[in-house]
Amino acid sequence: DYPQRMNNATMLDIGCGPFTAGLALANVIGNEVAFRYVGVDTSEQMRTFGGELAEAARNEAGLSSEAQVYFTGSIDTFDFGQSRSGWTVVVLSYLLASASLDIEQLVHQIVNACRRIGPGPVAVLYTNSAQADRQKAFPEFQRRMVDTGFKCEVVDTELLTDGEKPRKVHYALFTRAPQPILLTEFSR
């Protein structure tokens, strides 16, 4: 059963804003499934607001009481704790639209964070505006992800009509199989 496969998963939401991906995951998998959410955002206001929304969701039983929710300003300095073998889901929503983003550094941060989280399977979910100027960095991002061992499962554009104004969204899914555990990892 799908929700239980997400039990003890780690969601790494890069450019998290106010916890929207965490709320979406909790809505999909239900409040009985415990997961760890790590939201990364350079905006202290977004991290604070995200924490408030997470607490409100927990108080309204929309989030498992066992779910762990953390916010940080830097993916590089966050301590993920003991290695886990469950799923890691990395979310990148509208992040590549930033002209100042260093794609090589971003991919390095994703790969390094996944290594620190644990050897389990990884899914990277990317969404962005379908406007051509918002997608300029995607081909380089896709190439670098594939070069680091991820498989690009799908790349597509879809018209979303769930709000007041329909909008086109460009999305992609990258996956990586569980990694072998090296003997040196036990000596950490």
Foldseek 3Di string as FASTA:
>chain_A
DPLQLQAQEEEEEEQCFQCPVVLVNLQVSDAVGAYEYEYEHLDPVRQVNNVVVVVVCVVVSSHHPNHHYYYDPDLVPDQLPDADAGEYEYEAELPQQDPPDDLVVVLVSVVVSNVNNHQHKYKYKYKHFPPPSSCPCVVVNVVVNVVVAKDWPDWDWDWDDPDPDIGIMTMTMIIHHGDDDDPVVVVD
